[in-house]
Protein backbone atom coordinates (compact mmCIF):
# COMPACT_ATOMS: atom_id res chain seq x y z
CA UNK A 1 50.98 -92.21 59.91
CA UNK A 2 48.15 -93.55 62.06
CA UNK A 3 47.01 -89.98 62.77
CA UNK A 4 46.94 -89.21 59.03
CA UNK A 5 44.86 -92.35 58.34
CA UNK A 6 42.41 -91.38 61.08
CA UNK A 7 42.11 -87.86 59.64
CA UNK A 8 41.40 -89.25 56.15
CA UNK A 9 38.82 -91.66 57.57
CA UNK A 10 37.11 -88.81 59.46
CA UNK A 11 36.98 -86.74 56.27
CA UNK A 12 35.37 -89.62 54.34
CA UNK A 13 32.75 -90.12 57.07
CA UNK A 14 31.96 -86.40 57.05
CA UNK A 15 31.53 -86.45 53.27
CA UNK A 16 29.23 -89.46 53.55
CA UNK A 17 26.89 -87.91 56.12
CA UNK A 18 26.73 -84.69 54.11
CA UNK A 19 25.38 -86.40 50.99
CA UNK A 20 21.90 -85.10 50.03
CA UNK A 21 19.07 -87.24 51.39
CA UNK A 22 15.97 -87.00 49.21
CA UNK A 23 12.61 -86.54 50.91
CA UNK A 24 9.14 -86.67 49.37
CA UNK A 25 6.84 -83.64 49.31
CA UNK A 26 3.80 -82.88 47.23
CA UNK A 27 1.24 -80.13 46.73
CA UNK A 28 -1.73 -80.84 44.48
CA UNK A 29 -4.07 -78.40 42.75
CA UNK A 30 -7.47 -78.84 41.12
CA UNK A 31 -7.01 -76.59 38.06
CA UNK A 32 -4.40 -74.61 36.20
CA UNK A 33 -6.63 -72.57 33.87
CA UNK A 34 -9.20 -70.01 35.00
CA UNK A 35 -11.47 -68.01 32.69
CA UNK A 36 -13.36 -64.79 33.39
CA UNK A 37 -15.75 -63.37 30.84
CA UNK A 38 -18.00 -60.32 31.03
CA UNK A 39 -21.13 -62.41 31.60
CA UNK A 40 -19.76 -64.55 34.43
CA UNK A 41 -19.68 -64.16 38.19
CA UNK A 42 -16.14 -62.83 38.18
CA UNK A 43 -15.11 -65.31 40.89
CA UNK A 44 -13.33 -68.64 40.84
CA UNK A 45 -11.72 -70.85 43.49
CA UNK A 46 -8.53 -72.84 43.08
CA UNK A 47 -8.26 -75.67 45.63
CA UNK A 48 -4.85 -76.82 46.83
CA UNK A 49 -4.07 -79.81 49.06
CA UNK A 50 -1.01 -80.76 51.06
CA UNK A 51 -0.36 -84.44 50.29
CA UNK A 52 2.94 -84.49 52.15
CA UNK A 53 3.87 -85.13 55.76
CA UNK A 54 5.24 -81.62 56.20
CA UNK A 55 3.67 -78.32 57.10
CA UNK A 56 3.73 -76.01 54.09
CA UNK A 57 4.03 -72.25 54.13
CA UNK A 58 2.36 -71.22 50.87
CA UNK A 59 2.74 -67.85 49.13
CA UNK A 60 0.54 -66.67 46.27
CA UNK A 61 1.69 -63.93 43.89
CA UNK A 62 0.25 -62.32 40.75
CA UNK A 63 1.97 -61.23 37.55
CA UNK A 64 0.36 -59.81 34.41
CA UNK A 65 1.64 -61.06 31.06
CA UNK A 66 2.22 -58.07 28.78
CA UNK A 67 2.07 -58.56 24.97
CA UNK A 68 1.50 -62.32 25.35
CA UNK A 69 2.69 -64.57 22.57
CA UNK A 70 4.94 -61.92 21.02
CA UNK A 71 8.71 -61.61 21.02
CA UNK A 72 8.34 -58.69 23.42
CA UNK A 73 6.29 -60.73 25.94
CA UNK A 74 7.19 -59.97 29.54
CA UNK A 75 5.67 -60.10 33.01
CA UNK A 76 4.93 -57.38 35.50
CA UNK A 77 4.50 -58.31 39.17
CA UNK A 78 1.44 -56.65 40.69
CA UNK A 79 0.67 -56.28 44.39
CA UNK A 80 -2.22 -53.78 44.17
CA UNK A 81 -5.46 -55.59 43.20
CA UNK A 82 -7.00 -52.43 41.75
CA UNK A 83 -4.04 -51.93 39.45
CA UNK A 84 -3.86 -55.64 38.65
CA UNK A 85 -7.58 -55.98 37.98
CA UNK A 86 -7.36 -59.25 39.89
CA UNK A 87 -7.89 -59.89 43.60
CA UNK A 88 -6.28 -63.06 44.95
CA UNK A 89 -6.87 -64.07 48.54
CA UNK A 90 -5.26 -65.24 50.72
CA UNK A 91 -1.75 -64.50 49.53
CA UNK A 92 -0.17 -66.40 52.42
CA UNK A 93 -1.31 -69.49 54.27
CA UNK A 94 -0.13 -72.36 56.43
CA UNK A 95 -1.13 -75.77 55.10
CA UNK A 96 -0.83 -78.71 57.49
CA UNK A 97 -0.44 -82.29 56.19
CA UNK A 98 -3.64 -83.48 54.51
CA UNK A 99 -5.25 -80.04 54.67
CA UNK A 100 -7.29 -78.40 51.88
CA UNK A 101 -7.49 -74.66 51.25
CA UNK A 102 -9.09 -72.52 48.57
CA UNK A 103 -7.46 -69.58 46.86
CA UNK A 104 -10.15 -67.19 45.63
CA UNK A 105 -9.63 -65.25 42.42
CA UNK A 106 -11.89 -62.25 41.73
CA UNK A 107 -11.73 -60.31 38.48
CA UNK A 108 -12.01 -56.54 38.99
CA UNK A 109 -11.85 -55.80 35.28
CA UNK A 110 -14.66 -53.84 33.62
CA UNK A 111 -15.20 -52.89 29.99
CA UNK A 112 -12.09 -54.56 28.62
CA UNK A 113 -11.42 -54.19 24.91
CA UNK A 114 -8.94 -57.07 24.82
CA UNK A 115 -7.73 -59.89 27.03
CA UNK A 116 -5.80 -59.39 30.23
CA UNK A 117 -3.57 -62.39 30.90
CA UNK A 118 -2.21 -63.30 34.32
CA UNK A 119 -0.03 -65.94 35.90
CA UNK A 120 -0.76 -66.71 39.55
CA UNK A 121 2.17 -68.46 41.24
CA UNK A 122 1.32 -70.79 44.13
CA UNK A 123 4.59 -71.73 45.83
CA UNK A 124 5.07 -73.92 48.94
CA UNK A 125 8.00 -73.71 51.32
CA UNK A 126 9.11 -75.78 54.30
CA UNK A 127 11.19 -74.95 57.36
CA UNK A 128 14.61 -76.27 58.35
CA UNK A 129 14.98 -80.03 58.12
CA UNK A 130 16.99 -82.50 60.18
CA UNK A 131 17.84 -85.86 58.69
CA UNK A 132 17.81 -87.47 62.15
CA UNK A 133 15.25 -85.77 64.43
CA UNK A 134 16.83 -87.43 67.50
CA UNK A 135 20.32 -86.16 66.80
CA UNK A 136 21.74 -83.38 68.95
CA UNK A 137 23.37 -81.79 65.91
CA UNK A 138 22.42 -81.84 62.26
CA UNK A 139 24.49 -84.53 60.52
CA UNK A 140 23.12 -84.31 56.99
CA UNK A 141 21.35 -82.31 54.35
CA UNK A 142 17.80 -83.11 53.23
CA UNK A 143 16.39 -82.03 49.89
CA UNK A 144 12.67 -81.34 49.62
CA UNK A 145 11.35 -81.54 46.07
CA UNK A 146 8.55 -78.96 46.14
CA UNK A 147 6.22 -78.38 43.21
CA UNK A 148 5.13 -74.80 42.60
CA UNK A 149 2.22 -74.16 40.26
CA UNK A 150 1.42 -71.34 37.86
CA UNK A 151 -2.28 -70.83 37.18
CA UNK A 152 -3.16 -69.19 33.87
CA UNK A 153 -5.90 -66.60 34.38
CA UNK A 154 -7.68 -65.09 31.37
CA UNK A 155 -9.97 -62.05 31.72
CA UNK A 156 -11.87 -61.69 28.45
CA UNK A 157 -13.51 -58.53 27.05
CA UNK A 158 -17.21 -58.05 26.46
CA UNK A 159 -18.26 -59.69 23.19
CA UNK A 160 -14.98 -61.60 23.06
CA UNK A 161 -14.37 -63.55 19.88
CA UNK A 162 -11.21 -65.01 18.36
CA UNK A 163 -10.97 -64.56 14.60
CA UNK A 164 -8.68 -67.18 13.08
CA UNK A 165 -7.45 -66.40 9.58
CA UNK A 166 -5.31 -68.77 7.53
CA UNK A 167 -3.37 -67.41 4.55
CA UNK A 168 -1.73 -69.90 2.20
CA UNK A 169 1.26 -69.11 0.05
CA UNK A 170 3.35 -71.31 -2.22
CA UNK A 171 5.74 -72.49 0.51
CA UNK A 172 4.07 -71.58 3.80
CA UNK A 173 0.84 -70.98 5.64
CA UNK A 174 0.29 -68.19 8.16
CA UNK A 175 -2.22 -68.64 11.00
CA UNK A 176 -3.35 -65.36 12.57
CA UNK A 177 -5.75 -64.37 15.32
CA UNK A 178 -7.42 -61.13 14.23
CA UNK A 179 -9.96 -61.13 17.07
CA UNK A 180 -9.88 -59.51 20.50
CA UNK A 181 -9.33 -62.66 22.57
CA UNK A 182 -7.10 -65.72 22.64
CA UNK A 183 -7.82 -69.32 21.76
CA UNK A 184 -5.97 -72.54 22.55
CA UNK A 185 -4.60 -74.16 19.40
CA UNK A 186 -4.16 -77.80 20.39
CA UNK A 187 -2.83 -78.88 16.98
CA UNK A 188 -2.00 -77.54 13.54
CA UNK A 189 -0.73 -79.63 10.62
CA UNK A 190 0.04 -79.26 6.93
CA UNK A 191 -0.01 -82.59 5.09
CA UNK A 192 0.31 -83.83 1.51
CA UNK A 193 -3.11 -84.72 0.04
CA UNK A 194 -2.70 -88.49 0.60
CA UNK A 195 -1.22 -88.24 4.13
CA UNK A 196 -2.86 -88.45 7.55
CA UNK A 197 -2.25 -85.74 10.20
CA UNK A 198 0.10 -88.00 12.19
CA UNK A 199 2.30 -88.96 9.19
CA UNK A 200 5.96 -87.97 9.24
CA UNK A 201 5.43 -86.18 5.93
CA UNK A 202 3.29 -83.56 7.70
CA UNK A 203 4.61 -80.27 9.04
CA UNK A 204 3.07 -79.31 12.35
CA UNK A 205 3.07 -76.67 15.04
CA UNK A 206 3.17 -77.56 18.74
CA UNK A 207 0.14 -76.89 20.91
CA UNK A 208 0.10 -73.23 21.88
CA UNK A 209 -2.17 -70.39 22.85
CA UNK A 210 -2.92 -68.11 19.91
CA UNK A 211 -3.29 -64.66 21.41
CA UNK A 212 -4.99 -61.74 19.70
CA UNK A 213 -2.67 -60.11 17.17
CA UNK A 214 -0.27 -63.07 17.03
CA UNK A 215 0.82 -64.83 13.81
CA UNK A 216 2.26 -68.33 13.46
CA UNK A 217 3.89 -69.69 10.32
CA UNK A 218 4.11 -73.30 9.14
CA UNK A 219 5.94 -74.54 6.00
CA UNK A 220 4.13 -76.17 3.06
CA UNK A 221 5.71 -78.86 0.90
CA UNK A 222 3.36 -77.91 -1.95
CA UNK A 223 0.37 -75.69 -2.65
CA UNK A 224 -1.84 -78.81 -2.48
CA UNK A 225 -1.09 -79.53 1.19
CA UNK A 226 -4.10 -79.95 3.47
CA UNK A 227 -4.02 -77.63 6.46
CA UNK A 228 -5.90 -78.60 9.64
CA UNK A 229 -6.17 -76.48 12.77
CA UNK A 230 -7.70 -77.77 16.03
CA UNK A 231 -8.75 -75.26 18.69
CA UNK A 232 -10.44 -75.12 22.10
CA UNK A 233 -12.18 -71.98 23.30
CA UNK A 234 -12.15 -72.72 27.05
CA UNK A 235 -11.27 -75.27 29.77
CA UNK A 236 -14.48 -77.29 29.33
CA UNK A 237 -14.95 -76.79 25.59
CA UNK A 238 -14.66 -79.58 23.03
CA UNK A 239 -11.90 -79.31 20.42
CA UNK A 240 -12.94 -78.11 16.97
CA UNK A 241 -10.97 -79.04 13.84
CA UNK A 242 -11.16 -76.90 10.72
CA UNK A 243 -9.57 -77.70 7.37
CA UNK A 244 -8.24 -74.91 5.19
């Protein structure tokens, strides 16, 4: 009986030391949206910083977003910069605690007729972890909460211009982008004539990127509803609200 009790006690102790032990880790980044247009330098730097106490092994990978904003949207991973139209360097780095590094993005696109949209994944990793660094054997499991970032990269065509068209019907309104480039729609609402945009009586669409060739539909309670659309053309641009 005593042996059985000791075995049970040993099992409980083993379960206790194997409980996950949370540890803090953090990678910060200076921007998540990069724009390239035909008149720019074609270069941009994204700065990352290791705010943790661990050494990070960071990988950087590129994927192109095909048919963005549509039901058929999908991503294609690209390793060849010439094929991708985007050079990202370095694609691997070691980041010590407190260190800063830049990831350079260079657009290789020429004579585009429409946007090329990319997602650049910046992902940190750490090595094996011991809960007690002085222990001869590992007696626990540590969990590192690591934040990976996806940077949106937009390469715009020459003479890029979104063309927002709003078509009203009896029970709905359709917002379309007939241009050759995307625009960020930060808000869209359809309200009764005596309502404010934040009233519960308003229908609204969540903030989204309106890509070229994409349509969004919002219900109308009546043909008299006021429709407002707020857009931003780039990271530093002021929002513009238009009433339809």
